[in-house]
Protein backbone atom coordinates (compact mmCIF):
# COMPACT_ATOMS: atom_id res chain seq x y z
CA UNK A 1 -46.64 250.87 211.06
CA UNK A 2 -42.83 251.33 209.97
CA UNK A 3 -40.95 249.37 207.48
CA UNK A 4 -38.24 247.16 208.05
CA UNK A 5 -37.95 245.67 205.00
CA UNK A 6 -34.07 244.84 203.80
CA UNK A 7 -32.93 245.19 207.16
CA UNK A 8 -31.37 242.06 209.13
CA UNK A 9 -31.91 242.23 212.90
CA UNK A 10 -30.55 240.86 215.94
CA UNK A 11 -32.69 240.61 219.11
CA UNK A 12 -30.85 238.78 222.22
CA UNK A 13 -33.29 237.29 225.26
CA UNK A 14 -35.68 236.41 222.35
CA UNK A 15 -37.10 232.96 223.93
CA UNK A 16 -40.11 235.19 225.95
CA UNK A 17 -41.27 238.41 226.97
CA UNK A 18 -40.44 241.76 225.17
CA UNK A 19 -37.75 240.04 223.25
CA UNK A 20 -40.16 237.60 221.47
CA UNK A 21 -42.94 240.33 221.25
CA UNK A 22 -40.14 242.41 219.29
CA UNK A 23 -38.89 239.54 217.33
CA UNK A 24 -41.96 239.33 215.82
CA UNK A 25 -43.26 242.50 215.34
CA UNK A 26 -39.68 243.49 213.59
CA UNK A 27 -40.10 240.30 211.51
CA UNK A 28 -44.01 241.39 210.50
CA UNK A 29 -42.29 244.63 209.34
CA UNK A 30 -39.86 242.92 206.96
CA UNK A 31 -36.93 242.68 208.82
CA UNK A 32 -34.64 239.35 208.77
CA UNK A 33 -34.54 238.56 212.06
CA UNK A 34 -31.95 236.57 214.63
CA UNK A 35 -33.47 235.27 217.71
CA UNK A 36 -31.04 235.23 220.06
CA UNK A 37 -31.39 232.97 223.46
CA UNK A 38 -29.67 231.34 225.95
CA UNK A 39 -30.48 227.73 226.73
CA UNK A 40 -29.85 228.13 230.65
CA UNK A 41 -32.70 230.65 231.07
CA UNK A 42 -35.48 228.08 230.89
CA UNK A 43 -37.33 229.48 227.96
CA UNK A 44 -37.38 227.88 224.31
CA UNK A 45 -36.96 230.37 221.39
CA UNK A 46 -38.41 227.82 218.66
CA UNK A 47 -41.80 228.59 219.39
CA UNK A 48 -40.54 232.68 218.53
CA UNK A 49 -39.07 231.35 215.30
CA UNK A 50 -42.21 229.19 214.49
CA UNK A 51 -44.63 232.12 214.91
CA UNK A 52 -42.63 234.48 212.63
CA UNK A 53 -42.13 231.77 209.74
CA UNK A 54 -45.77 230.84 209.95
CA UNK A 55 -47.00 234.27 209.73
CA UNK A 56 -44.39 234.49 206.27
CA UNK A 57 -41.50 236.13 208.02
CA UNK A 58 -37.72 235.29 207.75
CA UNK A 59 -36.21 234.43 211.28
CA UNK A 60 -33.44 232.04 212.72
CA UNK A 61 -32.40 231.05 216.34
CA UNK A 62 -28.82 231.60 217.66
CA UNK A 63 -27.94 230.13 221.05
CA UNK A 64 -25.27 232.01 222.99
CA UNK A 65 -24.82 233.46 226.61
CA UNK A 66 -24.21 237.27 226.15
CA UNK A 67 -22.83 237.32 229.61
CA UNK A 68 -19.49 236.08 227.86
CA UNK A 69 -17.42 238.18 225.18
CA UNK A 70 -17.45 234.97 223.14
CA UNK A 71 -21.20 234.55 222.95
CA UNK A 72 -22.05 238.18 221.90
CA UNK A 73 -19.63 237.96 219.15
CA UNK A 74 -21.03 234.50 218.07
CA UNK A 75 -24.69 236.33 218.09
CA UNK A 76 -23.25 239.06 216.05
CA UNK A 77 -20.98 236.48 213.50
CA UNK A 78 -24.23 234.12 212.96
CA UNK A 79 -26.16 237.08 211.91
CA UNK A 80 -24.18 238.53 209.35
CA UNK A 81 -23.23 235.28 208.07
CA UNK A 82 -26.97 234.33 207.83
CA UNK A 83 -28.08 237.80 206.21
CA UNK A 84 -25.40 239.31 204.70
CA UNK A 85 -25.56 242.39 206.90
CA UNK A 86 -26.45 244.00 210.40
CA UNK A 87 -28.64 246.73 210.56
CA UNK A 88 -30.23 246.47 213.72
CA UNK A 89 -29.36 245.10 217.39
CA UNK A 90 -31.86 245.16 220.32
CA UNK A 91 -29.56 243.78 223.47
CA UNK A 92 -32.31 242.82 225.20
CA UNK A 93 -31.44 239.88 227.37
CA UNK A 94 -31.36 240.30 230.84
CA UNK A 95 -31.92 238.52 234.42
CA UNK A 96 -33.33 239.42 237.93
CA UNK A 97 -32.92 237.75 241.16
CA UNK A 98 -34.55 238.51 244.16
CA UNK A 99 -31.95 238.87 247.24
CA UNK A 100 -30.57 241.31 250.04
CA UNK A 101 -27.80 243.31 248.68
CA UNK A 102 -25.70 242.36 251.67
CA UNK A 103 -26.40 238.68 250.81
CA UNK A 104 -25.30 238.79 246.90
CA UNK A 105 -21.96 237.25 246.47
CA UNK A 106 -19.27 238.35 244.10
CA UNK A 107 -20.06 235.77 241.45
CA UNK A 108 -23.84 236.81 241.68
CA UNK A 109 -22.95 240.30 241.40
CA UNK A 110 -20.55 239.74 238.05
CA UNK A 111 -22.53 237.25 236.60
CA UNK A 112 -25.75 239.52 236.64
CA UNK A 113 -23.80 242.76 235.84
CA UNK A 114 -21.79 240.73 232.70
CA UNK A 115 -25.57 239.62 231.27
CA UNK A 116 -27.65 242.74 232.01
CA UNK A 117 -24.85 245.37 231.29
CA UNK A 118 -21.46 244.16 229.93
CA UNK A 119 -24.10 241.77 227.33
CA UNK A 120 -25.25 245.09 225.96
CA UNK A 121 -22.31 246.91 225.67
CA UNK A 122 -20.34 244.12 224.05
CA UNK A 123 -23.15 243.09 221.47
CA UNK A 124 -22.94 247.16 220.35
CA UNK A 125 -19.26 247.22 220.01
CA UNK A 126 -18.89 244.33 218.05
CA UNK A 127 -22.10 245.40 215.70
CA UNK A 128 -20.40 248.52 214.93
CA UNK A 129 -17.62 247.57 212.47
CA UNK A 130 -20.88 246.06 210.66
CA UNK A 131 -22.62 249.30 210.84
CA UNK A 132 -20.29 252.24 210.44
CA UNK A 133 -18.88 251.47 207.08
CA UNK A 134 -22.62 251.24 205.66
CA UNK A 135 -23.43 255.05 206.89
CA UNK A 136 -26.44 253.55 208.78
CA UNK A 137 -27.25 251.21 212.06
CA UNK A 138 -29.80 251.11 214.93
CA UNK A 139 -28.46 249.82 218.58
CA UNK A 140 -31.14 249.66 220.52
CA UNK A 141 -31.32 248.38 224.48
CA UNK A 142 -33.97 247.53 227.07
CA UNK A 143 -33.48 249.31 230.33
CA UNK A 144 -36.07 249.71 233.01
CA UNK A 145 -37.95 252.86 234.90
CA UNK A 146 -36.01 250.51 237.76
CA UNK A 147 -32.59 251.80 236.89
CA UNK A 148 -34.02 254.75 235.43
CA UNK A 149 -36.26 256.93 237.46
CA UNK A 150 -37.21 254.84 240.31
CA UNK A 151 -35.28 251.53 242.36
CA UNK A 152 -36.72 248.26 243.12
CA UNK A 153 -36.02 246.72 246.57
CA UNK A 154 -34.14 243.56 246.64
CA UNK A 155 -32.86 243.77 242.97
CA UNK A 156 -29.68 246.70 243.43
CA UNK A 157 -27.86 244.45 241.15
CA UNK A 158 -30.24 244.61 238.35
CA UNK A 159 -31.34 248.33 238.53
CA UNK A 160 -27.73 249.26 238.82
CA UNK A 161 -26.77 247.54 235.14
CA UNK A 162 -30.56 249.14 234.20
CA UNK A 163 -28.76 252.57 234.90
CA UNK A 164 -25.52 251.74 233.31
CA UNK A 165 -27.53 251.45 230.39
CA UNK A 166 -28.68 254.54 229.93
CA UNK A 167 -25.35 255.87 230.78
CA UNK A 168 -24.01 253.77 227.68
CA UNK A 169 -26.93 254.57 225.47
CA UNK A 170 -26.05 258.24 226.15
CA UNK A 171 -22.55 258.28 225.76
CA UNK A 172 -22.13 256.31 222.74
CA UNK A 173 -24.62 257.75 220.97
CA UNK A 174 -22.71 261.06 220.93
CA UNK A 175 -19.68 258.75 219.39
CA UNK A 176 -21.42 257.56 216.61
CA UNK A 177 -23.84 260.06 215.60
CA UNK A 178 -21.70 261.34 212.74
CA UNK A 179 -21.69 257.81 211.30
CA UNK A 180 -25.16 257.53 210.67
CA UNK A 181 -25.74 254.68 213.92
CA UNK A 182 -28.05 255.65 216.60
CA UNK A 183 -28.19 254.77 219.96
CA UNK A 184 -31.61 254.27 221.74
CA UNK A 185 -33.13 252.74 224.58
CA UNK A 186 -36.74 251.99 225.74
CA UNK A 187 -37.24 252.07 229.80
CA UNK A 188 -40.74 249.70 230.18
CA UNK A 189 -42.43 250.24 233.88
CA UNK A 190 -44.12 246.93 235.05
CA UNK A 191 -45.02 244.78 231.83
CA UNK A 192 -46.81 241.03 232.18
CA UNK A 193 -43.65 239.10 231.15
CA UNK A 194 -42.23 235.77 232.66
CA UNK A 195 -39.01 237.57 234.01
CA UNK A 196 -42.10 240.07 235.98
CA UNK A 197 -43.43 237.49 237.68
CA UNK A 198 -41.09 237.41 240.51
CA UNK A 199 -40.31 241.46 241.38
CA UNK A 200 -44.27 241.62 241.28
CA UNK A 201 -44.95 238.78 243.81
CA UNK A 202 -42.29 240.35 245.93
CA UNK A 203 -43.89 243.28 246.45
CA UNK A 204 -46.30 241.42 248.86
CA UNK A 205 -49.80 239.58 249.20
CA UNK A 206 -51.42 242.14 247.22
CA UNK A 207 -48.66 242.54 244.60
CA UNK A 208 -50.02 243.01 241.32
CA UNK A 209 -53.03 245.20 242.60
CA UNK A 210 -50.79 247.21 244.78
CA UNK A 211 -48.68 247.97 241.91
CA UNK A 212 -51.58 248.70 239.23
CA UNK A 213 -53.24 251.16 241.74
CA UNK A 214 -50.36 253.37 241.20
CA UNK A 215 -50.34 253.39 237.15
CA UNK A 216 -52.34 256.39 235.81
CA UNK A 217 -53.37 253.54 233.00
CA UNK A 218 -54.83 251.36 235.60
CA UNK A 219 -52.90 248.48 234.32
CA UNK A 220 -49.61 246.60 233.64
CA UNK A 221 -48.10 247.00 229.90
CA UNK A 222 -47.92 244.14 227.26
CA UNK A 223 -44.72 243.27 225.77
CA UNK A 224 -46.19 244.22 222.53
CA UNK A 225 -46.38 247.56 223.31
CA UNK A 226 -43.14 247.75 224.26
CA UNK A 227 -41.96 246.08 220.79
CA UNK A 228 -43.97 248.97 219.16
CA UNK A 229 -41.58 251.95 220.70
CA UNK A 230 -38.79 249.42 219.55
CA UNK A 231 -40.16 249.27 215.96
CA UNK A 232 -40.13 253.23 215.89
CA UNK A 233 -36.45 253.36 217.31
CA UNK A 234 -35.39 250.79 214.58
CA UNK A 235 -36.81 252.23 211.46
CA UNK A 236 -35.80 255.05 209.17
CA UNK A 237 -38.36 257.96 210.61
CA UNK A 238 -36.28 257.67 213.50
CA UNK A 239 -32.85 258.46 211.73
CA UNK A 240 -32.65 261.84 214.06
CA UNK A 241 -33.52 260.55 217.14
CA UNK A 242 -30.40 259.27 219.20
CA UNK A 243 -29.56 259.10 223.06
CA UNK A 244 -32.72 258.74 224.00
CA UNK A 245 -34.47 256.52 226.97
CA UNK A 246 -38.33 256.13 226.15
CA UNK A 247 -40.07 255.51 229.04
CA UNK A 248 -43.44 253.41 228.35
CA UNK A 249 -44.92 252.58 232.00
CA UNK A 250 -48.35 253.66 231.55
CA UNK A 251 -48.03 257.10 233.71
CA UNK A 252 -46.33 255.35 236.52
CA UNK A 253 -43.00 257.55 237.08
CA UNK A 254 -45.40 260.64 236.71
CA UNK A 255 -47.45 259.51 239.49
CA UNK A 256 -47.22 259.81 243.54
CA UNK A 257 -49.69 256.86 244.09
CA UNK A 258 -52.42 258.89 245.44
């Protein structure tokens, strides 16, 4: 696989799911890894850090709320202070709630967009002063097929934010390409994570079976499969890849479900 030796990486939302899997993969490839997490999300990042260290990797946990400017700055500053540099940022943290769009309050809308889209933008912005002078850097984000190719009912705020990430990636990639900084995203389909449980179950009693029937691969994905895509984008081998959204969904976006 690819090498991330000598690189310092920040992964937000690293307490569970795709973030936890990617933090472990990055560390296994040699990256010095900062595992960002938010205490209010109900998950404990200590297990992620414990697994990394048990396997001989380097990791530290930093608690912060990416829905705020101070939280994003704290994550970036803590990473640079701990490892002495910042080479990779994966803005992965996100929240999803089920509900009719007409019933979403202003506070709920603002909070979800501040975390799901604002947190990506602020982490990217705050990372650039540490990457541009070095002539290299990898800015990565987790979007979703829900915002890239197909919507999800009862998740309008989520799909809006995920679509916004695609625009951010494409626009920023052009702006920073000449500085050796790449900007890319991965758009997972249905992946088996704690966060995916409610959306899957909201489809109806047949939930998972109904969704699986529409996936050519005939199964939902695993978090490690998304982590592998991020490992490539974070590596030196992907230095000429920028402004891209890699869809990892078992072919679901190519299928009409028949």
